[in-house]
Amino acid sequence: MVVEQKPYQMFAWIATACLIAAATVASLFPSEPMYFNLPGNLHHYAFTVANFMWVAIGILWKEKSLIVLNAGLTVIYVAGLMF
């Protein structure tokens, strides 16, 4: 049985590592402030970047569920940073 590998697999693994790093920072250092006097905590930005990367992967793979889930999470994180 031959299993076809999806394109952009390395990008997906990088996004996964970023998402795991964001969850680790959120769990171990929940009140770590963001640098450069930006609002919010470090993990909010890490989650925003990771979810945005997964939106891009969803677009590249044409997976609507990935796009909707991660675009929604990205909007939630950005809104939380703004308000």
Protein backbone atom coordinates (compact mmCIF):
# COMPACT_ATOMS: atom_id res chain seq x y z
CA MET A 1 0.00 0.00 0.00
CA VAL A 2 1.43 3.36 -1.04
CA VAL A 3 0.57 6.36 1.09
CA GLU A 4 0.70 9.69 -0.68
CA GLN A 5 2.20 12.51 1.29
CA LYS A 6 0.47 15.88 1.20
CA PRO A 7 2.49 18.79 -0.16
CA TYR A 8 4.00 21.36 2.21
CA GLN A 9 4.44 18.71 4.90
CA MET A 10 7.48 20.49 6.39
CA PHE A 11 5.47 23.71 6.74
CA ALA A 12 2.77 21.76 8.57
CA TRP A 13 5.33 20.30 10.99
CA ILE A 14 6.78 23.76 11.67
CA ALA A 15 3.28 25.09 12.36
CA THR A 16 2.62 22.14 14.67
CA ALA A 17 5.85 22.81 16.57
CA CYS A 18 4.88 26.47 16.90
CA LEU A 19 1.44 25.49 18.22
CA ILE A 20 2.96 23.10 20.77
CA ALA A 21 5.45 25.80 21.83
CA ALA A 22 2.59 28.28 22.30
CA ALA A 23 0.67 25.79 24.45
CA THR A 24 3.80 25.11 26.50
CA VAL A 25 4.39 28.82 27.11
CA ALA A 26 0.73 29.31 28.02
CA SER A 27 0.88 26.44 30.54
CA LEU A 28 4.28 27.06 32.10
CA PHE A 29 4.53 30.86 31.87
CA PRO A 30 0.93 32.15 31.63
CA SER A 31 1.73 35.71 32.68
CA GLU A 32 4.90 36.16 30.60
CA PRO A 33 4.52 39.66 29.14
CA MET A 34 5.05 40.42 25.48
CA TYR A 35 8.21 42.22 24.50
CA PHE A 36 8.44 45.80 23.13
CA ASN A 37 5.58 46.94 25.40
CA LEU A 38 2.96 45.27 23.19
CA PRO A 39 -0.36 44.40 24.84
CA GLY A 40 -1.13 40.87 25.94
CA ASN A 41 1.07 37.98 26.88
CA LEU A 42 3.67 36.13 24.85
CA HIS A 43 1.51 33.06 24.32
CA HIS A 44 -1.26 35.10 22.67
CA TYR A 45 1.13 36.11 19.91
CA ALA A 46 2.55 32.61 19.61
CA PHE A 47 -0.95 31.14 19.21
CA THR A 48 -1.83 33.83 16.65
CA VAL A 49 1.24 33.02 14.54
CA ALA A 50 0.71 29.25 14.79
CA ASN A 51 -2.97 29.44 13.88
CA PHE A 52 -2.25 31.79 10.99
CA MET A 53 0.29 29.28 9.71
CA TRP A 54 -2.37 26.57 9.88
CA VAL A 55 -4.77 28.81 7.94
CA ALA A 56 -2.14 29.02 5.19
CA ILE A 57 -1.70 25.24 5.25
CA GLY A 58 -5.46 24.76 5.05
CA ILE A 59 -5.54 27.00 1.98
CA LEU A 60 -2.63 25.14 0.38
CA TRP A 61 -4.27 21.78 1.10
CA LYS A 62 -7.78 23.06 0.24
CA GLU A 63 -9.07 21.77 3.58
CA LYS A 64 -12.03 23.92 4.57
CA SER A 65 -12.19 22.56 8.11
CA LEU A 66 -8.59 23.63 8.79
CA ILE A 67 -9.24 27.05 7.30
CA VAL A 68 -12.41 27.70 9.30
CA LEU A 69 -11.06 26.39 12.61
CA ASN A 70 -7.75 28.21 12.49
CA ALA A 71 -9.08 31.42 10.94
CA GLY A 72 -11.65 31.55 13.73
CA LEU A 73 -9.00 31.02 16.38
CA THR A 74 -6.76 33.64 14.78
CA VAL A 75 -9.60 36.18 14.83
CA ILE A 76 -10.32 35.35 18.48
CA TYR A 77 -6.67 35.84 19.49
CA VAL A 78 -6.32 39.10 17.55
CA ALA A 79 -9.60 40.42 19.00
CA GLY A 80 -8.41 39.48 22.48
CA LEU A 81 -5.21 41.43 21.94
CA MET A 82 -7.07 44.47 20.61
CA PHE A 83 -9.79 44.72 23.26
